[in-house]
Amino acid sequence: MHWHYIAACRELDVSYKVLDISGPDWLDVVEQSGCDAFLARPSVQSSIWKQMYDERLRILASAGGHIIFPDVESLWLWESKRKMHYWLASHHIPHPKTWVFYNRKSALEFADACALPIVFKSDMGSGASGVMIFRDRSDLKRHITLCFGKGFTTYRRSPKDLEFNSILLQEYLPDVKEWRMVRIGDSYFAYEKVKQDDFHSGSHKFHYERPPDKLLDFVKHVSEVGEFRSIDLDLFITSCGEILVNELQALFGQQGSREICRVNDVSGRMIFDETTGEWAFEPGEFCRNYMCNLRVQYVLSLLEARSIIAEKA
């Protein structure tokens, strides 16, 4: 997926290098690169590849002085339902009731008494590839036994890349609407994900309108709490108006340069005016190259700010 960043750098006339940090000499590769900032695009096709990125980016960040974007914390959370749940719960951010078990007996006891239907989610998996809805208690218990035995994987990963000895279950919420809310830098985007059958994710059906202020306020709050500047929040809106975080991702599915915020059939972005405290729609095209143009521009602003601070010092 790095070619999106290459295209963005070329369009913006920004010099770049492509670095491979998968080898044993990865630290030398980074230190000898001469780069001022690092745009990271970890792979989640394999859990071991994701683990490699998590380990090495965190070490790189701990060494200090490096700009890594998206930030290491949000990339660590990315594509892990367990980590996301822990982060949301610890920061008191509303999300569907979720239970994580590392003990087979406890999970089976829970299955004997929990309300049905109930949702299973694999730790890694996008586009509903790792989501199952259980309406039968016997089926649920068989799946728990599988997860604590042979293990589970999704069709998007290798059959040998198994998750086992843990399971994540989540309350089933019928009749909810789902909005995808995106923040990159100080640009905000939003659209409604239209439900097909049991799922919103992966339906590839979208509805565009001016996003409600309460949803924009919500994503602004969460991104400020986490200091995230490349983030997608998939939000459930219940029939009583409650807002719940269904997904939190540093990187997310996007079709090329499809504009994902449209008001009255005009593409653009939402901007928050800190002076007036109001949201404003700004027409334009902002989603070039998988939205990587915006990411590169934001990193350039970080480098400029660092340069100004250095000059003053």
Protein backbone atom coordinates (compact mmCIF):
# COMPACT_ATOMS: atom_id res chain seq x y z
CA MET A 1 0.00 0.00 0.00
CA HIS A 2 3.04 2.31 0.08
CA TRP A 3 2.46 3.38 -3.53
CA HIS A 4 -0.29 5.74 -2.35
CA TYR A 5 2.35 7.67 -0.41
CA ILE A 6 4.68 7.61 -3.42
CA ALA A 7 1.93 9.10 -5.59
CA ALA A 8 1.19 11.75 -2.96
CA CYS A 9 4.86 12.75 -2.62
CA ARG A 10 5.21 13.03 -6.39
CA GLU A 11 2.10 15.17 -6.73
CA LEU A 12 3.23 17.44 -3.89
CA ASP A 13 6.85 17.56 -5.12
CA VAL A 14 8.21 16.08 -1.89
CA SER A 15 11.42 14.04 -2.00
CA TYR A 16 11.10 10.55 -0.54
CA LYS A 17 12.72 7.17 -0.07
CA VAL A 18 11.04 3.79 0.34
CA LEU A 19 12.50 1.96 3.36
CA ASP A 20 12.15 -1.73 4.13
CA ILE A 21 12.34 -2.25 7.90
CA SER A 22 11.65 -5.99 7.82
CA GLY A 23 15.32 -7.07 7.72
CA PRO A 24 17.78 -7.64 10.56
CA ASP A 25 19.56 -4.38 9.64
CA TRP A 26 16.39 -2.28 9.98
CA LEU A 27 17.90 0.20 12.45
CA ASP A 28 20.81 0.88 10.11
CA VAL A 29 18.33 1.34 7.24
CA VAL A 30 16.47 3.99 9.25
CA GLU A 31 19.53 5.76 10.67
CA GLN A 32 21.29 5.94 7.29
CA SER A 33 18.20 7.04 5.35
CA GLY A 34 18.65 10.77 5.93
CA CYS A 35 14.86 11.12 6.24
CA ASP A 36 13.26 13.85 8.34
CA ALA A 37 9.98 11.99 8.89
CA PHE A 38 8.57 8.51 8.40
CA LEU A 39 5.20 7.61 6.90
CA ALA A 40 4.30 4.13 8.13
CA ARG A 41 1.96 1.71 6.39
CA PRO A 42 2.13 -1.59 8.34
CA SER A 43 0.78 -4.78 6.80
CA VAL A 44 -2.10 -6.56 8.50
CA GLN A 45 -2.24 -9.51 6.12
CA SER A 46 -0.29 -11.49 8.71
CA SER A 47 -0.27 -11.16 12.49
CA ILE A 48 3.50 -11.66 12.62
CA TRP A 49 4.06 -8.83 10.11
CA LYS A 50 1.85 -6.55 12.21
CA GLN A 51 3.77 -7.59 15.33
CA MET A 52 7.05 -6.75 13.58
CA TYR A 53 5.83 -3.25 12.75
CA ASP A 54 4.43 -2.71 16.26
CA GLU A 55 7.74 -3.71 17.85
CA ARG A 56 10.04 -1.79 15.55
CA LEU A 57 8.01 1.40 15.25
CA ARG A 58 7.65 1.56 19.03
CA ILE A 59 11.41 1.15 19.48
CA LEU A 60 12.04 3.79 16.82
CA ALA A 61 9.67 6.19 18.59
CA SER A 62 11.26 5.53 21.98
CA ALA A 63 14.67 6.50 20.58
CA GLY A 64 13.29 10.04 20.27
CA GLY A 65 13.52 12.71 17.66
CA HIS A 66 11.67 10.84 14.91
CA ILE A 67 8.37 11.97 13.41
CA ILE A 68 6.33 8.86 12.66
CA PHE A 69 2.90 9.19 11.06
CA PRO A 70 0.34 7.97 11.85
CA ASP A 71 1.53 8.05 15.43
CA VAL A 72 2.81 4.84 17.00
CA GLU A 73 0.03 4.62 19.58
CA SER A 74 -2.76 4.64 16.99
CA LEU A 75 -0.86 2.15 14.80
CA TRP A 76 -0.45 -0.13 17.81
CA LEU A 77 -4.23 -0.05 18.29
CA TRP A 78 -4.90 -0.51 14.58
CA GLU A 79 -6.53 -3.79 13.57
CA SER A 80 -6.74 -5.15 17.11
CA LYS A 81 -10.26 -5.36 18.50
CA ARG A 82 -8.91 -6.28 21.93
CA LYS A 83 -6.53 -3.32 22.19
CA MET A 84 -9.23 -0.99 20.87
CA HIS A 85 -11.70 -2.20 23.51
CA TYR A 86 -9.14 -1.78 26.29
CA TRP A 87 -8.27 1.75 25.11
CA LEU A 88 -11.89 2.86 24.78
CA ALA A 89 -12.84 1.40 28.17
CA SER A 90 -9.84 2.92 29.96
CA HIS A 91 -10.67 6.36 28.53
CA HIS A 92 -14.40 6.01 29.32
CA ILE A 93 -15.42 6.37 25.68
CA PRO A 94 -18.81 4.74 25.01
CA HIS A 95 -18.79 1.61 22.85
CA PRO A 96 -20.84 -1.61 22.66
CA LYS A 97 -20.56 -3.88 25.69
CA THR A 98 -17.60 -6.17 25.06
CA TRP A 99 -16.23 -9.23 26.82
CA VAL A 100 -12.73 -10.66 26.27
CA PHE A 101 -11.93 -14.13 27.61
CA TYR A 102 -8.57 -15.86 27.93
CA ASN A 103 -10.06 -18.86 29.74
CA ARG A 104 -12.18 -21.45 27.93
CA LYS A 105 -14.22 -22.42 31.00
CA SER A 106 -15.13 -18.79 31.75
CA ALA A 107 -16.14 -18.21 28.12
CA LEU A 108 -18.37 -21.29 28.08
CA GLU A 109 -20.01 -20.29 31.37
CA PHE A 110 -20.70 -16.87 29.89
CA ALA A 111 -22.20 -18.54 26.79
CA ASP A 112 -24.66 -20.44 29.01
CA ALA A 113 -26.20 -17.23 30.33
CA CYS A 114 -25.56 -14.38 27.87
CA ALA A 115 -28.29 -12.72 25.85
CA LEU A 116 -28.59 -13.81 22.22
CA PRO A 117 -27.89 -12.87 19.50
CA ILE A 118 -24.29 -12.05 20.34
CA VAL A 119 -21.44 -10.94 18.09
CA PHE A 120 -18.04 -12.59 17.76
CA LYS A 121 -15.14 -10.53 16.38
CA SER A 122 -11.67 -11.79 15.58
CA ASP A 123 -8.85 -9.63 16.92
CA MET A 124 -7.67 -8.85 13.37
CA GLY A 125 -10.00 -8.60 10.39
CA SER A 126 -11.50 -5.85 8.25
CA GLY A 127 -14.66 -5.44 6.20
CA ALA A 128 -16.65 -7.81 8.46
CA SER A 129 -14.27 -10.65 7.49
CA GLY A 130 -13.85 -11.68 11.13
CA VAL A 131 -17.39 -10.99 12.37
CA MET A 132 -19.99 -13.65 13.16
CA ILE A 133 -23.43 -13.30 14.74
CA PHE A 134 -24.57 -16.20 16.90
CA ARG A 135 -28.27 -16.75 17.48
CA ASP A 136 -27.97 -20.33 18.70
CA ARG A 137 -26.29 -21.13 22.03
CA SER A 138 -24.92 -24.48 20.87
CA ASP A 139 -23.29 -22.86 17.83
CA LEU A 140 -21.74 -20.22 20.07
CA LYS A 141 -20.28 -22.83 22.42
CA ARG A 142 -18.87 -24.82 19.49
CA HIS A 143 -17.17 -21.66 18.22
CA ILE A 144 -15.71 -20.93 21.66
CA THR A 145 -14.31 -24.48 21.73
CA LEU A 146 -12.81 -23.88 18.26
CA CYS A 147 -11.16 -20.63 19.37
CA PHE A 148 -9.62 -22.31 22.41
CA GLY A 149 -8.64 -25.37 20.39
CA LYS A 150 -7.64 -25.37 16.73
CA GLY A 151 -7.98 -21.59 16.47
CA PHE A 152 -9.72 -19.15 14.12
CA THR A 153 -8.64 -17.11 11.12
CA THR A 154 -10.36 -15.03 8.43
CA TYR A 155 -10.47 -15.60 4.69
CA ARG A 156 -8.18 -12.60 4.21
CA ARG A 157 -5.30 -14.23 6.10
CA SER A 158 -3.26 -17.38 5.75
CA PRO A 159 -5.04 -20.53 7.01
CA LYS A 160 -2.04 -21.02 9.30
CA ASP A 161 -2.28 -17.51 10.79
CA LEU A 162 -4.55 -18.58 13.63
CA GLU A 163 -5.89 -16.74 16.65
CA PHE A 164 -6.35 -19.05 19.62
CA ASN A 165 -6.74 -19.19 23.41
CA SER A 166 -8.82 -16.03 23.52
CA ILE A 167 -12.18 -14.77 22.27
CA LEU A 168 -13.93 -11.40 22.02
CA LEU A 169 -17.71 -11.20 22.21
CA GLN A 170 -19.84 -8.10 21.86
CA GLU A 171 -23.45 -7.20 22.43
CA TYR A 172 -25.70 -7.31 19.38
CA LEU A 173 -27.29 -3.97 18.59
CA PRO A 174 -30.19 -4.10 16.13
CA ASP A 175 -31.53 -1.11 14.24
CA VAL A 176 -28.46 1.10 14.58
CA LYS A 177 -27.16 3.53 12.00
CA GLU A 178 -23.43 3.65 11.33
CA TRP A 179 -21.36 6.65 10.31
CA ARG A 180 -17.73 6.64 9.27
CA MET A 181 -16.02 9.69 10.75
CA VAL A 182 -12.49 10.56 9.66
CA ARG A 183 -9.94 13.07 10.92
CA ILE A 184 -6.65 13.73 9.14
CA GLY A 185 -4.77 16.71 10.51
CA ASP A 186 -7.53 19.26 11.07
CA SER A 187 -9.70 18.03 8.19
CA TYR A 188 -12.84 16.05 8.98
CA PHE A 189 -14.89 13.79 6.70
CA ALA A 190 -18.02 11.71 7.19
CA TYR A 191 -20.59 9.53 5.47
CA GLU A 192 -23.21 7.02 6.49
CA LYS A 193 -22.49 3.33 5.89
CA VAL A 194 -25.72 1.76 4.62
CA LYS A 195 -26.60 -1.60 6.15
CA GLN A 196 -26.91 -4.70 3.98
CA ASP A 197 -28.23 -7.85 5.63
CA ASP A 198 -26.56 -7.94 9.10
CA PHE A 199 -23.57 -5.72 8.34
CA HIS A 200 -22.68 -2.10 7.64
CA SER A 201 -18.98 -2.77 7.05
CA GLY A 202 -18.23 -4.28 3.69
CA SER A 203 -21.59 -3.33 2.17
CA HIS A 204 -19.96 -0.70 -0.12
CA LYS A 205 -23.18 1.30 0.08
CA PHE A 206 -22.89 4.90 1.25
CA HIS A 207 -25.15 7.86 1.97
CA TYR A 208 -23.82 11.41 1.92
CA GLU A 209 -25.14 14.46 3.71
CA ARG A 210 -23.80 17.15 6.01
CA PRO A 211 -22.62 15.25 9.10
CA PRO A 212 -24.42 16.20 12.33
CA ASP A 213 -22.46 18.48 14.66
CA LYS A 214 -22.82 16.02 17.54
CA LEU A 215 -20.92 13.37 15.55
CA LEU A 216 -18.23 15.85 14.54
CA ASP A 217 -17.91 16.98 18.17
CA PHE A 218 -17.60 13.35 19.25
CA VAL A 219 -14.78 12.46 16.83
CA LYS A 220 -12.98 15.70 17.68
CA HIS A 221 -13.13 14.81 21.38
CA VAL A 222 -11.87 11.24 20.91
CA SER A 223 -9.06 12.30 18.58
CA GLU A 224 -7.98 14.99 21.06
CA VAL A 225 -7.97 12.46 23.92
CA GLY A 226 -5.71 10.14 21.93
CA GLU A 227 -3.81 12.93 20.15
CA PHE A 228 -4.69 11.11 16.92
CA ARG A 229 -4.34 12.98 13.61
CA SER A 230 -5.03 10.09 11.27
CA ILE A 231 -8.07 8.30 12.61
CA ASP A 232 -11.31 6.70 11.54
CA LEU A 233 -14.16 6.26 13.99
CA ASP A 234 -17.02 4.06 12.85
CA LEU A 235 -19.86 5.20 15.07
CA PHE A 236 -23.11 3.41 15.91
CA ILE A 237 -26.09 5.67 16.52
CA THR A 238 -28.77 3.79 18.43
CA SER A 239 -32.50 4.35 18.10
CA CYS A 240 -32.40 6.48 21.26
CA GLY A 241 -29.58 8.65 19.91
CA GLU A 242 -26.67 7.17 21.87
CA ILE A 243 -23.28 7.35 20.11
CA LEU A 244 -21.03 4.28 20.41
CA VAL A 245 -17.62 3.58 18.87
CA ASN A 246 -17.74 0.42 16.77
CA GLU A 247 -14.27 0.77 15.18
CA LEU A 248 -11.21 2.94 15.78
CA GLN A 249 -8.54 2.71 13.08
CA ALA A 250 -5.44 4.73 12.19
CA LEU A 251 -5.74 3.53 8.58
CA PHE A 252 -8.90 2.43 6.88
CA GLY A 253 -10.50 1.24 3.67
CA GLN A 254 -10.76 3.86 0.96
CA GLN A 255 -11.37 3.58 -2.76
CA GLY A 256 -8.59 5.48 -4.54
CA SER A 257 -9.41 9.18 -4.46
CA ARG A 258 -13.14 8.85 -3.70
CA GLU A 259 -14.35 11.96 -1.92
CA ILE A 260 -15.93 10.84 1.35
CA CYS A 261 -17.61 14.06 2.48
CA ARG A 262 -20.32 15.54 0.27
CA VAL A 263 -22.91 18.16 1.05
CA ASN A 264 -25.62 18.81 -1.54
CA ASP A 265 -23.59 16.68 -4.01
CA VAL A 266 -20.54 18.93 -3.52
CA SER A 267 -17.36 17.27 -2.26
CA GLY A 268 -15.31 18.87 0.50
CA ARG A 269 -14.32 18.66 4.14
CA MET A 270 -15.52 19.89 7.52
CA ILE A 271 -13.37 22.36 9.46
CA PHE A 272 -13.77 23.45 13.08
CA ASP A 273 -13.42 27.16 13.73
CA GLU A 274 -11.74 27.48 17.13
CA THR A 275 -12.74 31.16 17.34
CA THR A 276 -16.49 30.73 16.78
CA GLY A 277 -16.73 27.14 18.02
CA GLU A 278 -18.68 26.21 14.88
CA TRP A 279 -18.29 23.68 12.08
CA ALA A 280 -17.99 24.86 8.49
CA PHE A 281 -18.05 23.00 5.19
CA GLU A 282 -15.21 23.80 2.80
CA PRO A 283 -15.79 22.66 -0.81
CA GLY A 284 -12.92 21.01 -2.68
CA GLU A 285 -11.13 17.75 -3.44
CA PHE A 286 -9.19 16.45 -0.44
CA CYS A 287 -9.06 12.66 -0.80
CA ARG A 288 -6.32 12.27 -3.38
CA ASN A 289 -4.36 8.99 -3.35
CA TYR A 290 -6.17 7.14 -0.58
CA MET A 291 -6.11 10.42 1.39
CA CYS A 292 -2.31 10.24 1.53
CA ASN A 293 -1.91 13.74 0.09
CA LEU A 294 -3.51 15.09 3.27
CA ARG A 295 -1.28 12.89 5.43
CA VAL A 296 1.87 14.08 3.67
CA GLN A 297 0.74 17.70 3.96
CA TYR A 298 0.16 17.27 7.69
CA VAL A 299 3.63 15.76 8.17
CA LEU A 300 5.10 18.72 6.27
CA SER A 301 3.32 21.04 8.73
CA LEU A 302 4.92 19.12 11.63
CA LEU A 303 8.36 19.52 10.06
CA GLU A 304 7.75 23.22 9.49
CA ALA A 305 6.66 23.69 13.11
CA ARG A 306 9.77 21.85 14.30
CA SER A 307 11.97 24.05 12.11
CA ILE A 308 10.39 27.24 13.47
CA ILE A 309 10.90 26.06 17.06
CA ALA A 310 14.53 25.19 16.30
CA GLU A 311 15.14 28.64 14.83
CA LYS A 312 13.69 30.35 17.91
CA ALA A 313 15.83 28.17 20.18
